[in-house]
Amino acid sequence: MAALEVVDHFRACHQYPLIKATNGLRSTIRTVGAPTIQVSQRLKRFPTILNKLTREPTMKLSRMQDIGGCRAVVPDIDTVRRAQRQLERRRGYKRTSDYVAEPRSSGYRGVHVVVEYDTRAIEIQLRTRVMHEWAISVEKLSYRLSEDLKSGVGPPEVIDLYQVVSEAMALEERGSQVPDDLLELIKSKSQRAVEYLAANDRRQP
């Protein structure tokens, strides 16, 4: 019981630093001259924190850098890069994870910049609208399947589909044409995913 109270208190200590980070993110986006965008924030849910600690036994609570997180959804990759550079010049900058240059195995793309406010690490996510659409679709299906598809955890039939769809979306976002062989691959993997989801739904009580 005492351990749960420690986790809950540690989570609560991120609330005010998160507000500061979100305001700082809004300022950054204004500085780089981006048009109308979406900025949001969240504290990682208590069950999600416990699940991550259980899933990664060597993870220390004090080293978890995404308990507080905010996100900006911007029009294009150029704006992501300009905002990234601006954040990396701020005091309190800690590290960057570039999932645009090297997408996750699931196909997730975005840039995560960890900054520190009042000694608390806050993760700032930068996505384009295209990246955000992909992520939201994955998150909705993750909830339905009770899996973490964005991190590459879940049925391969579904993860494989989202990976190739992400590849196609990245090409289109860069102004390139999606090759026919990739379109055919999406079609075949889509059929496998649909069959899996249909079978999964039939198994549900």
Foldseek 3Di string as FASTA:
>chain_A
DVVLVVLVVVLVVCVVVLVVVQVVLVVLLVVLPFPDKDKDWDFPDSVVVVVVCVVPVVDDPQPDQARIEMEIAGAAVVSLVSSVVVLCPDPQWDDKDACQVPPALLLQGWIWTWGDDPNHIYIYTYHYPLNVVLVVVQVVVCVVVVFDSRNPTDDPLNSVLSNLVSVCSSCVRVVHHDDPVSVVVNVVSVVSNVVVVVVVVVPDD
